[in-house]
PDB file of N, CA and C in Angstrom:
ATOM      1  N   MET A   1      10.726  16.611 -88.810  1.00  0.00           N
ATOM      2  CA  MET A   1      10.696  15.932 -87.398  1.00  0.00           C
ATOM      3  C   MET A   1      12.397  14.599 -87.564  1.00  0.00           C
ATOM      4  N   ALA A   2      12.930  15.292 -87.138  1.00  0.00           N
ATOM      5  CA  ALA A   2      14.085  14.625 -87.721  1.00  0.00           C
ATOM      6  C   ALA A   2      14.371  13.239 -86.807  1.00  0.00           C
ATOM      7  N   LYS A   3      14.615  11.609 -87.414  1.00  0.00           N
ATOM      8  CA  LYS A   3      14.460  10.417 -86.675  1.00  0.00           C
ATOM      9  C   LYS A   3      15.258  10.667 -85.339  1.00  0.00           C
ATOM     10  N   THR A   4      14.969   9.974 -84.296  1.00  0.00           N
ATOM     11  CA  THR A   4      15.232  10.473 -83.146  1.00  0.00           C
ATOM     12  C   THR A   4      15.062   8.379 -82.995  1.00  0.00           C
ATOM     13  N   ALA A   5      16.282   7.854 -81.683  1.00  0.00           N
ATOM     14  CA  ALA A   5      15.605   6.283 -80.632  1.00  0.00           C
ATOM     15  C   ALA A   5      15.779   6.807 -79.491  1.00  0.00           C
ATOM     16  N   THR A   6      15.524   5.961 -79.153  1.00  0.00           N
ATOM     17  CA  THR A   6      15.379   5.845 -77.803  1.00  0.00           C
ATOM     18  C   THR A   6      16.244   5.006 -77.067  1.00  0.00           C
ATOM     19  N   LEU A   7      16.737   5.810 -75.756  1.00  0.00           N
ATOM     20  CA  LEU A   7      17.776   6.099 -75.328  1.00  0.00           C
ATOM     21  C   LEU A   7      17.303   5.416 -73.391  1.00  0.00           C
ATOM     22  N   THR A   8      16.714   4.049 -73.034  1.00  0.00           N
ATOM     23  CA  THR A   8      16.654   4.264 -71.560  1.00  0.00           C
ATOM     24  C   THR A   8      18.057   4.639 -70.526  1.00  0.00           C
ATOM     25  N   LEU A   9      17.952   5.424 -69.202  1.00  0.00           N
ATOM     26  CA  LEU A   9      18.871   5.748 -68.318  1.00  0.00           C
ATOM     27  C   LEU A   9      18.651   6.216 -67.538  1.00  0.00           C
ATOM     28  N   ARG A  10      19.394   5.560 -66.169  1.00  0.00           N
ATOM     29  CA  ARG A  10      18.859   5.791 -65.102  1.00  0.00           C
ATOM     30  C   ARG A  10      20.047   7.457 -64.488  1.00  0.00           C
ATOM     31  N   VAL A  11      19.043   7.609 -63.799  1.00  0.00           N
ATOM     32  CA  VAL A  11      19.862   9.524 -63.397  1.00  0.00           C
ATOM     33  C   VAL A  11      19.461   9.227 -61.961  1.00  0.00           C
ATOM     34  N   SER A  12      20.214  10.069 -60.901  1.00  0.00           N
ATOM     35  CA  SER A  12      19.410  10.951 -59.275  1.00  0.00           C
ATOM     36  C   SER A  12      18.378  11.386 -59.979  1.00  0.00           C
ATOM     37  N   PRO A  13      17.459  11.292 -58.263  1.00  0.00           N
ATOM     38  CA  PRO A  13      16.148  12.225 -58.043  1.00  0.00           C
ATOM     39  C   PRO A  13      16.815  13.560 -58.717  1.00  0.00           C
ATOM     40  N   ASP A  14      17.941  13.933 -57.503  1.00  0.00           N
ATOM     41  CA  ASP A  14      18.160  15.816 -58.388  1.00  0.00           C
ATOM     42  C   ASP A  14      18.972  16.187 -59.156  1.00  0.00           C
ATOM     43  N   LEU A  15      19.161  14.880 -60.513  1.00  0.00           N
ATOM     44  CA  LEU A  15      20.350  15.272 -61.786  1.00  0.00           C
ATOM     45  C   LEU A  15      18.062  15.342 -62.031  1.00  0.00           C
ATOM     46  N   LYS A  16      17.075  14.865 -62.174  1.00  0.00           N
ATOM     47  CA  LYS A  16      16.134  14.406 -62.546  1.00  0.00           C
ATOM     48  C   LYS A  16      15.632  15.593 -62.057  1.00  0.00           C
ATOM     49  N   ASP A  17      15.870  16.338 -61.569  1.00  0.00           N
ATOM     50  CA  ASP A  17      14.634  17.081 -60.974  1.00  0.00           C
ATOM     51  C   ASP A  17      15.683  19.106 -61.824  1.00  0.00           C
ATOM     52  N   LYS A  18      16.821  18.775 -61.666  1.00  0.00           N
ATOM     53  CA  LYS A  18      17.247  20.121 -62.089  1.00  0.00           C
ATOM     54  C   LYS A  18      17.218  20.173 -64.205  1.00  0.00           C
ATOM     55  N   LEU A  19      17.057  18.727 -64.528  1.00  0.00           N
ATOM     56  CA  LEU A  19      16.671  19.062 -65.436  1.00  0.00           C
ATOM     57  C   LEU A  19      15.125  19.635 -66.071  1.00  0.00           C
ATOM     58  N   ALA A  20      14.500  18.647 -64.955  1.00  0.00           N
ATOM     59  CA  ALA A  20      13.241  18.803 -64.990  1.00  0.00           C
ATOM     60  C   ALA A  20      13.259  20.913 -65.175  1.00  0.00           C
ATOM     61  N   ARG A  21      13.980  21.247 -64.409  1.00  0.00           N
ATOM     62  CA  ARG A  21      14.024  22.625 -63.606  1.00  0.00           C
ATOM     63  C   ARG A  21      14.680  23.807 -65.034  1.00  0.00           C
ATOM     64  N   LEU A  22      15.220  23.200 -65.161  1.00  0.00           N
ATOM     65  CA  LEU A  22      15.929  23.615 -66.699  1.00  0.00           C
ATOM     66  C   LEU A  22      14.699  23.473 -67.826  1.00  0.00           C
ATOM     67  N   ALA A  23      14.217  22.534 -68.170  1.00  0.00           N
ATOM     68  CA  ALA A  23      12.555  21.911 -69.428  1.00  0.00           C
ATOM     69  C   ALA A  23      12.471  23.395 -68.776  1.00  0.00           C
ATOM     70  N   ALA A  24      11.542  23.194 -67.808  1.00  0.00           N
ATOM     71  CA  ALA A  24      10.383  24.276 -67.905  1.00  0.00           C
ATOM     72  C   ALA A  24      10.761  26.045 -67.665  1.00  0.00           C
ATOM     73  N   GLY A  25      12.251  26.493 -67.097  1.00  0.00           N
ATOM     74  CA  GLY A  25      13.077  27.639 -67.057  1.00  0.00           C
ATOM     75  C   GLY A  25      13.321  28.271 -68.448  1.00  0.00           C
ATOM     76  N   THR A  26      13.477  27.312 -69.581  1.00  0.00           N
ATOM     77  CA  THR A  26      13.572  27.173 -71.169  1.00  0.00           C
ATOM     78  C   THR A  26      11.866  27.143 -72.183  1.00  0.00           C
ATOM     79  N   ASP A  27      11.188  26.189 -71.319  1.00  0.00           N
ATOM     80  CA  ASP A  27      10.077  25.695 -72.869  1.00  0.00           C
ATOM     81  C   ASP A  27      10.974  24.944 -73.083  1.00  0.00           C
ATOM     82  N   ARG A  28      11.425  23.340 -72.879  1.00  0.00           N
ATOM     83  CA  ARG A  28      11.150  22.710 -73.520  1.00  0.00           C
ATOM     84  C   ARG A  28      11.388  21.566 -73.216  1.00  0.00           C
ATOM     85  N   THR A  29      10.918  20.705 -73.670  1.00  0.00           N
ATOM     86  CA  THR A  29      10.834  19.323 -72.944  1.00  0.00           C
ATOM     87  C   THR A  29      12.666  18.711 -72.140  1.00  0.00           C
ATOM     88  N   THR A  30      12.140  18.126 -71.401  1.00  0.00           N
ATOM     89  CA  THR A  30      13.304  17.414 -70.590  1.00  0.00           C
ATOM     90  C   THR A  30      14.309  16.596 -70.980  1.00  0.00           C
ATOM     91  N   SER A  31      13.512  15.805 -72.433  1.00  0.00           N
ATOM     92  CA  SER A  31      14.411  14.294 -73.163  1.00  0.00           C
ATOM     93  C   SER A  31      15.668  15.812 -74.482  1.00  0.00           C
ATOM     94  N   ALA A  32      14.795  17.104 -74.449  1.00  0.00           N
ATOM     95  CA  ALA A  32      15.250  17.700 -75.491  1.00  0.00           C
ATOM     96  C   ALA A  32      16.251  18.368 -74.677  1.00  0.00           C
ATOM     97  N   ILE A  33      16.519  18.338 -72.834  1.00  0.00           N
ATOM     98  CA  ILE A  33      17.904  19.852 -72.441  1.00  0.00           C
ATOM     99  C   ILE A  33      18.787  17.777 -72.359  1.00  0.00           C
ATOM    100  N   ALA A  34      18.156  17.071 -71.935  1.00  0.00           N
ATOM    101  CA  ALA A  34      18.559  15.863 -71.696  1.00  0.00           C
ATOM    102  C   ALA A  34      20.163  15.710 -73.375  1.00  0.00           C
ATOM    103  N   GLN A  35      19.204  15.597 -74.594  1.00  0.00           N
ATOM    104  CA  GLN A  35      20.048  15.563 -75.605  1.00  0.00           C
ATOM    105  C   GLN A  35      20.978  16.238 -75.831  1.00  0.00           C
ATOM    106  N   ARG A  36      20.564  17.825 -76.070  1.00  0.00           N
ATOM    107  CA  ARG A  36      21.570  18.815 -75.755  1.00  0.00           C
ATOM    108  C   ARG A  36      22.592  18.629 -74.049  1.00  0.00           C
ATOM    109  N   ALA A  37      22.571  18.071 -73.765  1.00  0.00           N
ATOM    110  CA  ALA A  37      23.906  17.705 -72.046  1.00  0.00           C
ATOM    111  C   ALA A  37      24.385  17.091 -73.422  1.00  0.00           C
ATOM    112  N   LEU A  38      23.958  15.752 -73.691  1.00  0.00           N
ATOM    113  CA  LEU A  38      24.372  14.372 -73.213  1.00  0.00           C
ATOM    114  C   LEU A  38      25.115  14.628 -75.212  1.00  0.00           C
ATOM    115  N   GLU A  39      24.381  15.531 -76.076  1.00  0.00           N
ATOM    116  CA  GLU A  39      25.222  15.974 -77.428  1.00  0.00           C
ATOM    117  C   GLU A  39      27.077  16.830 -76.861  1.00  0.00           C
ATOM    118  N   ALA A  40      26.148  18.410 -76.351  1.00  0.00           N
ATOM    119  CA  ALA A  40      27.407  19.377 -76.361  1.00  0.00           C
ATOM    120  C   ALA A  40      28.760  17.738 -75.285  1.00  0.00           C
ATOM    121  N   TYR A  41      27.733  17.050 -74.349  1.00  0.00           N
ATOM    122  CA  TYR A  41      28.782  16.058 -73.718  1.00  0.00           C
ATOM    123  C   TYR A  41      30.405  15.065 -74.628  1.00  0.00           C
ATOM    124  N   ALA A  42      29.621  14.524 -75.471  1.00  0.00           N
ATOM    125  CA  ALA A  42      30.053  14.027 -76.610  1.00  0.00           C
ATOM    126  C   ALA A  42      30.924  14.204 -77.640  1.00  0.00           C
ATOM    127  N   ASP A  43      31.101  16.049 -77.594  1.00  0.00           N
ATOM    128  CA  ASP A  43      31.201  15.886 -78.566  1.00  0.00           C
ATOM    129  C   ASP A  43      32.902  16.038 -78.010  1.00  0.00           C
ATOM    130  N   HIS A  44      32.872  16.915 -77.235  1.00  0.00           N
ATOM    131  CA  HIS A  44      34.074  17.331 -76.560  1.00  0.00           C
ATOM    132  C   HIS A  44      34.510  16.330 -75.855  1.00  0.00           C
ATOM    133  N   HIS A  45      33.890  14.848 -75.468  1.00  0.00           N
ATOM    134  CA  HIS A  45      35.540  14.458 -75.686  1.00  0.00           C
ATOM    135  C   HIS A  45      35.154  13.658 -76.369  1.00  0.00           C
ATOM    136  N   ILE A  46      34.592  13.581 -77.390  1.00  0.00           N
ATOM    137  CA  ILE A  46      35.590  13.200 -78.669  1.00  0.00           C
ATOM    138  C   ILE A  46      36.375  14.022 -79.166  1.00  0.00           C
ATOM    139  N   GLU A  47      36.023  14.893 -78.872  1.00  0.00           N
ATOM    140  CA  GLU A  47      37.164  16.388 -79.722  1.00  0.00           C
ATOM    141  C   GLU A  47      38.619  15.691 -78.832  1.00  0.00           C
ATOM    142  N   MET A  48      38.116  15.980 -77.335  1.00  0.00           N
ATOM    143  CA  MET A  48      38.922  15.180 -76.628  1.00  0.00           C
ATOM    144  C   MET A  48      40.197  13.638 -76.424  1.00  0.00           C
ATOM    145  N   LEU A  49      39.376  12.258 -77.854  1.00  0.00           N
ATOM    146  CA  LEU A  49      40.074  12.227 -78.167  1.00  0.00           C
ATOM    147  C   LEU A  49      41.307  11.688 -79.215  1.00  0.00           C
ATOM    148  N   ASP A  50      39.952  12.827 -80.274  1.00  0.00           N
ATOM    149  CA  ASP A  50      41.420  13.037 -81.425  1.00  0.00           C
ATOM    150  C   ASP A  50      41.637  13.632 -80.994  1.00  0.00           C
ATOM    151  N   ALA A  51      41.859  14.657 -80.113  1.00  0.00           N
ATOM    152  CA  ALA A  51      43.375  15.608 -79.990  1.00  0.00           C
ATOM    153  C   ALA A  51      44.560  15.042 -79.336  1.00  0.00           C
ATOM    154  N   VAL A  52      43.772  13.941 -78.216  1.00  0.00           N
ATOM    155  CA  VAL A  52      44.517  12.864 -78.001  1.00  0.00           C
ATOM    156  C   VAL A  52      44.974  11.343 -78.352  1.00  0.00           C
ATOM    157  N   GLU A  53      45.074  11.867 -80.100  1.00  0.00           N
ATOM    158  CA  GLU A  53      45.137  10.371 -81.038  1.00  0.00           C
ATOM    159  C   GLU A  53      46.131  11.647 -81.769  1.00  0.00           C
ATOM    160  N   ARG A  54      45.526  12.372 -82.133  1.00  0.00           N
ATOM    161  CA  ARG A  54      46.968  13.500 -82.499  1.00  0.00           C
ATOM    162  C   ARG A  54      48.182  13.265 -82.330  1.00  0.00           C
ATOM    163  N   GLY A  55      47.922  13.363 -81.029  1.00  0.00           N
ATOM    164  CA  GLY A  55      49.555  12.778 -80.180  1.00  0.00           C
ATOM    165  C   GLY A  55      50.207  12.538 -80.795  1.00  0.00           C
ATOM    166  N   ARG A  56      49.451  11.324 -80.015  1.00  0.00           N
ATOM    167  CA  ARG A  56      50.415   9.858 -80.025  1.00  0.00           C
ATOM    168  C   ARG A  56      50.696   9.564 -81.188  1.00  0.00           C
ATOM    169  N   GLU A  57      50.237  10.715 -83.013  1.00  0.00           N
ATOM    170  CA  GLU A  57      50.606   9.855 -84.487  1.00  0.00           C
ATOM    171  C   GLU A  57      51.704  10.522 -83.835  1.00  0.00           C
ATOM    172  N   ASP A  58      52.232  12.385 -84.033  1.00  0.00           N
ATOM    173  CA  ASP A  58      53.574  12.987 -83.854  1.00  0.00           C
ATOM    174  C   ASP A  58      54.599  12.224 -82.982  1.00  0.00           C
ATOM    175  N   PHE A  59      53.863  11.892 -81.996  1.00  0.00           N
ATOM    176  CA  PHE A  59      54.903  10.809 -80.834  1.00  0.00           C
ATOM    177  C   PHE A  59      54.991   9.838 -81.924  1.00  0.00           C
ATOM    178  N   ARG A  60      54.732   9.382 -82.374  1.00  0.00           N
ATOM    179  CA  ARG A  60      54.848   7.506 -83.323  1.00  0.00           C
ATOM    180  C   ARG A  60      55.492   8.558 -84.759  1.00  0.00           C
ATOM    181  N   GLN A  61      55.357   8.962 -84.977  1.00  0.00           N
ATOM    182  CA  GLN A  61      56.262   9.923 -86.728  1.00  0.00           C
ATOM    183  C   GLN A  61      57.313  10.773 -85.891  1.00  0.00           C
ATOM    184  N   GLY A  62      57.921  11.368 -84.550  1.00  0.00           N
ATOM    185  CA  GLY A  62      59.034  11.356 -84.592  1.00  0.00           C
ATOM    186  C   GLY A  62      59.068  12.818 -83.338  1.00  0.00           C
ATOM    187  N   ARG A  63      57.349  13.762 -83.979  1.00  0.00           N
ATOM    188  CA  ARG A  63      57.153  14.551 -83.909  1.00  0.00           C
ATOM    189  C   ARG A  63      57.282  15.622 -83.062  1.00  0.00           C
ATOM    190  N   THR A  64      58.662  15.534 -81.566  1.00  0.00           N
ATOM    191  CA  THR A  64      58.776  15.545 -80.153  1.00  0.00           C
ATOM    192  C   THR A  64      59.198  16.620 -79.908  1.00  0.00           C
ATOM    193  N   HIS A  65      58.728  17.206 -79.122  1.00  0.00           N
ATOM    194  CA  HIS A  65      60.020  17.942 -78.837  1.00  0.00           C
ATOM    195  C   HIS A  65      60.595  17.933 -77.287  1.00  0.00           C
ATOM    196  N   THR A  66      61.524  18.140 -76.192  1.00  0.00           N
ATOM    197  CA  THR A  66      62.155  17.944 -75.374  1.00  0.00           C
ATOM    198  C   THR A  66      61.971  18.952 -74.678  1.00  0.00           C
ATOM    199  N   HIS A  67      61.836  18.342 -72.885  1.00  0.00           N
ATOM    200  CA  HIS A  67      61.158  19.282 -71.492  1.00  0.00           C
ATOM    201  C   HIS A  67      62.228  20.905 -72.227  1.00  0.00           C
ATOM    202  N   GLU A  68      63.813  20.110 -72.334  1.00  0.00           N
ATOM    203  CA  GLU A  68      64.374  21.675 -71.929  1.00  0.00           C
ATOM    204  C   GLU A  68      64.375  23.137 -72.968  1.00  0.00           C
ATOM    205  N   GLU A  69      63.695  22.116 -74.140  1.00  0.00           N
ATOM    206  CA  GLU A  69      63.553  23.259 -75.632  1.00  0.00           C
ATOM    207  C   GLU A  69      61.886  23.823 -75.235  1.00  0.00           C
ATOM    208  N   VAL A  70      61.117  22.777 -74.622  1.00  0.00           N
ATOM    209  CA  VAL A  70      60.355  23.983 -74.461  1.00  0.00           C
ATOM    210  C   VAL A  70      59.872  25.411 -73.306  1.00  0.00           C
ATOM    211  N   MET A  71      60.602  24.466 -72.822  1.00  0.00           N
ATOM    212  CA  MET A  71      61.440  25.120 -70.988  1.00  0.00           C
ATOM    213  C   MET A  71      61.635  27.059 -72.375  1.00  0.00           C
ATOM    214  N   ARG A  72      62.465  26.367 -72.672  1.00  0.00           N
ATOM    215  CA  ARG A  72      64.132  27.137 -73.111  1.00  0.00           C
ATOM    216  C   ARG A  72      63.028  28.322 -74.560  1.00  0.00           C
ATOM    217  N   ASP A  73      61.894  28.236 -74.894  1.00  0.00           N
ATOM    218  CA  ASP A  73      61.310  29.060 -76.594  1.00  0.00           C
ATOM    219  C   ASP A  73      59.998  28.958 -74.837  1.00  0.00           C
ATOM    220  N   ALA A  74      59.355  28.340 -74.162  1.00  0.00           N
ATOM    221  CA  ALA A  74      59.356  29.322 -72.921  1.00  0.00           C
ATOM    222  C   ALA A  74      59.283  31.239 -72.374  1.00  0.00           C
ATOM    223  N   ALA A  75      60.596  30.213 -72.509  1.00  0.00           N
ATOM    224  CA  ALA A  75      61.554  31.771 -71.744  1.00  0.00           C
ATOM    225  C   ALA A  75      61.552  32.979 -72.611  1.00  0.00           C
ATOM    226  N   GLU A  76      62.048  32.477 -73.808  1.00  0.00           N
ATOM    227  CA  GLU A  76      62.633  32.998 -74.757  1.00  0.00           C
ATOM    228  C   GLU A  76      60.797  34.171 -75.320  1.00  0.00           C
ATOM    229  N   ILE A  77      60.245  33.378 -74.746  1.00  0.00           N
ATOM    230  CA  ILE A  77      58.257  34.545 -75.456  1.00  0.00           C
ATOM    231  C   ILE A  77      58.503  35.273 -74.065  1.00  0.00           C
ATOM    232  N   LEU A  78      58.162  35.055 -72.635  1.00  0.00           N
ATOM    233  CA  LEU A  78      58.279  35.648 -72.303  1.00  0.00           C
ATOM    234  C   LEU A  78      59.142  36.601 -71.600  1.00  0.00           C
ATOM    235  N   ALA A  79      60.665  36.801 -71.684  1.00  0.00           N
ATOM    236  CA  ALA A  79      61.068  37.381 -71.802  1.00  0.00           C
ATOM    237  C   ALA A  79      61.047  39.026 -73.326  1.00  0.00           C
ATOM    238  N   ARG A  80      60.506  38.516 -74.318  1.00  0.00           N
ATOM    239  CA  ARG A  80      60.586  39.553 -75.575  1.00  0.00           C
ATOM    240  C   ARG A  80      58.891  40.545 -75.216  1.00  0.00           C
ATOM    241  N   HIS A  81      57.676  39.230 -74.313  1.00  0.00           N
ATOM    242  CA  HIS A  81      56.836  39.850 -74.345  1.00  0.00           C
ATOM    243  C   HIS A  81      57.411  41.193 -72.484  1.00  0.00           C
ATOM    244  N   LYS A  82      58.070  40.673 -71.815  1.00  0.00           N
ATOM    245  CA  LYS A  82      58.446  41.732 -71.299  1.00  0.00           C
ATOM    246  C   LYS A  82      59.518  42.925 -71.380  1.00  0.00           C
ATOM    247  N   SER A  83      60.104  42.706 -71.953  1.00  0.00           N
ATOM    248  CA  SER A  83      60.513  43.653 -72.761  1.00  0.00           C
ATOM    249  C   SER A  83      59.892  44.114 -73.206  1.00  0.00           C
ATOM    250  N   LYS A  84      59.431  44.272 -74.470  1.00  0.00           N
ATOM    251  CA  LYS A  84      57.783  44.897 -74.593  1.00  0.00           C
ATOM    252  C   LYS A  84      56.561  45.450 -73.552  1.00  0.00           C
ATOM    253  N   THR A  85      56.714  45.736 -73.035  1.00  0.00           N
ATOM    254  CA  THR A  85      55.978  45.941 -71.731  1.00  0.00           C
ATOM    255  C   THR A  85      56.490  47.135 -70.812  1.00  0.00           C
ATOM    256  N   ALA A  86      57.977  47.219 -70.992  1.00  0.00           N
ATOM    257  CA  ALA A  86      58.449  47.712 -70.086  1.00  0.00           C
ATOM    258  C   ALA A  86      59.091  48.474 -70.476  1.00  0.00           C
TER     259      ALA A  86
END
């Protein structure tokens, strides 16, 4: 069995009931359901924080585009797509 640590948190009665329902419906413990949910949440938000930091680093390094450049490129892409579907 993997090592675990204890975390105590307060949740609303509604959330506790939802976790219990999921646990019963999936033949898992409430703790297992909560752990998977928290892990998915943390992974997602860490990924977002990392993406923001990469964007900040791009900005610091001058790897940016003006609004006009982006809009010009988008218009060219749309025009190419429209010509292929016409």
